[in-house]
Amino acid sequence: MIRRAETGPRTIVMAVLALAGLGISAYLTSVHYADAAPVCAVGHGCQTVQDSKYAEMAGIPVALIGLAGYVAILASLLVRGDNARLLRVALTGFGFAFSVYLTYLELFRIEAICQWCVGSAVVMTGLFALAVFDFLQPRSERYSSLAETPVSSDTTAAAGRTRAPASTSR
């Protein structure tokens, strides 16, 4: 059974970061397929990276891989539970490791810096840190807001507990 995620501040921050990463990846994917020059604030590093042999892996643009990753992270935010948190750690951990690898390629193989790529790496680093923090947070703290939620009599009965009938005095 898939349970809907609760929307706490950490989830909202992760969603905003994932949307930012999605925007960056979508832009770079469109630039790749349009065979256009990416807008770069300083120099021509973005174009150099985009034109390098490392811009694709097995014929798939790296930006498209990032786009799929950010969509998967956003989807993982829609569910809750220990498995969903573990999935978020795995997705963002892979994204973080991939970003480290791509940054290594930029610095030491391509010898150019793409600001868009750096932006995506920063976003992924933030997502990974938040996912790990959320995963390591004690269960009692994770669900403390749920403990404050009033429980209806239907929920109590479904849990196997019954309430004593209210006294009726006339």
Protein backbone atom coordinates (compact mmCIF):
# COMPACT_ATOMS: atom_id res chain seq x y z
CA MET A 1 0.00 0.00 0.00
CA ILE A 2 1.36 3.38 -0.96
CA ARG A 3 0.85 6.05 1.66
CA ARG A 4 0.72 9.69 0.70
CA ALA A 5 3.66 11.73 1.92
CA GLU A 6 3.23 14.31 4.59
CA THR A 7 4.39 17.78 3.60
CA GLY A 8 6.88 18.89 6.19
CA PRO A 9 9.42 21.68 5.70
CA ARG A 10 12.17 19.24 4.66
CA THR A 11 9.94 17.69 2.00
CA ILE A 12 9.07 21.12 0.64
CA VAL A 13 12.75 22.15 0.47
CA MET A 14 13.59 18.87 -1.28
CA ALA A 15 10.76 19.43 -3.77
CA VAL A 16 11.97 22.97 -4.52
CA LEU A 17 15.55 21.73 -5.00
CA ALA A 18 14.40 18.85 -7.22
CA LEU A 19 12.33 21.27 -9.31
CA ALA A 20 15.37 23.53 -9.69
CA GLY A 21 17.45 20.54 -10.80
CA LEU A 22 14.67 19.50 -13.15
CA GLY A 23 14.68 22.99 -14.68
CA ILE A 24 18.46 22.96 -15.17
CA SER A 25 18.38 19.49 -16.72
CA ALA A 26 15.43 20.35 -18.96
CA TYR A 27 17.24 23.46 -20.21
CA LEU A 28 20.46 21.55 -20.92
CA THR A 29 18.51 18.73 -22.60
CA SER A 30 16.72 21.20 -24.87
CA VAL A 31 20.03 22.90 -25.73
CA HIS A 32 21.52 19.50 -26.58
CA TYR A 33 18.71 18.49 -28.93
CA ALA A 34 18.44 21.96 -30.48
CA ASP A 35 22.19 21.84 -31.13
CA ALA A 36 22.35 25.36 -29.69
CA ALA A 37 24.91 27.09 -27.52
CA PRO A 38 23.94 27.19 -23.84
CA VAL A 39 23.80 30.59 -22.18
CA CYS A 40 26.90 30.80 -20.02
CA ALA A 41 27.54 33.66 -17.59
CA VAL A 42 31.33 33.56 -17.86
CA GLY A 43 33.36 32.38 -20.83
CA HIS A 44 32.53 29.44 -23.04
CA GLY A 45 32.84 26.61 -20.53
CA CYS A 46 29.25 25.48 -20.96
CA GLN A 47 29.67 25.12 -24.71
CA THR A 48 33.00 23.31 -24.28
CA VAL A 49 31.41 20.81 -21.89
CA GLN A 50 28.33 20.44 -24.13
CA ASP A 51 30.53 19.73 -27.17
CA SER A 52 32.80 17.25 -25.37
CA LYS A 53 32.67 13.49 -25.85
CA TYR A 54 31.48 13.28 -22.23
CA ALA A 55 28.19 15.08 -22.97
CA GLU A 56 26.63 11.71 -23.82
CA MET A 57 26.83 8.25 -22.27
CA ALA A 58 25.91 5.36 -24.53
CA GLY A 59 24.31 7.88 -26.90
CA ILE A 60 22.11 9.39 -24.17
CA PRO A 61 22.69 13.04 -23.25
CA VAL A 62 23.94 13.39 -19.67
CA ALA A 63 21.37 16.17 -19.19
CA LEU A 64 18.57 13.72 -20.06
CA ILE A 65 19.92 11.27 -17.47
CA GLY A 66 19.79 14.12 -14.94
CA LEU A 67 16.25 14.98 -16.00
CA ALA A 68 15.14 11.39 -15.37
CA GLY A 69 16.91 11.42 -12.01
CA TYR A 70 15.19 14.58 -10.83
CA VAL A 71 11.79 13.23 -11.95
CA ALA A 72 12.45 10.03 -9.95
CA ILE A 73 13.43 12.07 -6.88
CA LEU A 74 10.26 14.18 -7.18
CA ALA A 75 8.16 11.01 -7.50
CA SER A 76 9.82 9.55 -4.39
CA LEU A 77 8.68 12.61 -2.43
CA LEU A 78 5.06 11.66 -3.06
CA VAL A 79 5.22 8.62 -0.77
CA ARG A 80 6.30 8.14 2.82
CA GLY A 81 7.69 5.39 4.95
CA ASP A 82 11.05 3.81 5.60
CA ASN A 83 11.29 2.29 2.12
CA ALA A 84 10.55 5.65 0.47
CA ARG A 85 13.23 7.34 2.58
CA LEU A 86 15.72 4.62 1.69
CA LEU A 87 14.82 5.04 -1.99
CA ARG A 88 15.44 8.80 -1.71
CA VAL A 89 18.87 8.16 -0.16
CA ALA A 90 19.68 5.73 -2.98
CA LEU A 91 18.47 8.07 -5.75
CA THR A 92 20.16 11.17 -4.37
CA GLY A 93 23.28 9.19 -3.43
CA PHE A 94 23.60 7.96 -7.01
CA GLY A 95 22.94 11.49 -8.28
CA PHE A 96 25.55 12.91 -5.92
CA ALA A 97 28.17 10.33 -6.96
CA PHE A 98 27.35 10.94 -10.63
CA SER A 99 27.72 14.71 -10.07
CA VAL A 100 31.12 14.19 -8.43
CA TYR A 101 32.20 12.09 -11.42
CA LEU A 102 30.95 14.70 -13.92
CA THR A 103 32.68 17.49 -11.99
CA TYR A 104 35.90 15.48 -12.09
CA LEU A 105 35.49 15.18 -15.88
CA GLU A 106 34.91 18.93 -16.21
CA LEU A 107 37.97 19.84 -14.15
CA PHE A 108 40.52 17.24 -15.24
CA ARG A 109 39.45 15.85 -18.62
CA ILE A 110 37.51 18.62 -20.37
CA GLU A 111 39.28 21.42 -18.48
CA ALA A 112 36.22 23.67 -18.60
CA ILE A 113 33.53 24.60 -16.10
CA CYS A 114 29.84 24.69 -16.98
CA GLN A 115 27.92 26.86 -14.52
CA TRP A 116 24.70 24.96 -15.25
CA CYS A 117 26.43 21.69 -14.38
CA VAL A 118 27.86 23.15 -11.19
CA GLY A 119 24.38 24.39 -10.29
CA SER A 120 22.97 20.91 -10.78
CA ALA A 121 25.77 19.42 -8.67
CA VAL A 122 25.04 21.88 -5.85
CA VAL A 123 21.33 21.04 -6.02
CA MET A 124 22.06 17.30 -5.92
CA THR A 125 24.43 17.75 -2.98
CA GLY A 126 21.66 19.53 -1.06
CA LEU A 127 19.15 16.82 -1.95
CA PHE A 128 21.53 14.06 -0.84
CA ALA A 129 22.28 15.81 2.47
CA LEU A 130 18.56 16.29 3.20
CA ALA A 131 17.73 12.70 2.24
CA VAL A 132 20.44 11.30 4.51
CA PHE A 133 19.39 13.60 7.37
CA ASP A 134 15.77 12.52 6.96
CA PHE A 135 16.74 8.84 6.85
CA LEU A 136 18.92 9.05 9.97
CA GLN A 137 16.41 11.06 11.99
CA PRO A 138 14.96 8.98 14.84
CA ARG A 139 11.54 7.55 14.06
CA SER A 140 9.98 9.31 17.07
CA GLU A 141 11.01 12.71 15.69
CA ARG A 142 9.89 11.87 12.14
CA TYR A 143 6.35 11.16 13.21
CA SER A 144 6.00 13.60 16.09
CA SER A 145 3.68 15.78 14.01
CA LEU A 146 1.48 12.74 13.37
CA ALA A 147 1.13 12.15 17.11
CA GLU A 148 -0.50 15.54 17.44
CA THR A 149 -3.15 14.65 14.85
CA PRO A 150 -6.52 13.92 16.46
CA VAL A 151 -7.69 10.34 16.00
CA SER A 152 -11.29 9.79 14.99
CA SER A 153 -13.43 7.06 16.49
CA ASP A 154 -13.41 5.28 13.11
CA THR A 155 -9.62 5.14 13.11
CA THR A 156 -9.56 3.95 16.72
CA ALA A 157 -12.07 1.19 15.99
CA ALA A 158 -10.12 0.13 12.89
CA ALA A 159 -7.02 -0.22 15.04
CA GLY A 160 -8.86 -2.75 17.22
CA ARG A 161 -9.66 -0.42 20.07
CA THR A 162 -13.16 0.53 20.99
CA ARG A 163 -14.39 3.43 22.95
CA ALA A 164 -16.86 3.05 25.76
CA PRO A 165 -20.29 4.24 24.69
CA ALA A 166 -21.12 7.73 25.81
CA SER A 167 -23.57 7.86 28.67
CA THR A 168 -26.95 9.08 27.69
CA SER A 169 -28.80 10.83 30.42
CA ARG A 170 -32.23 12.24 29.88
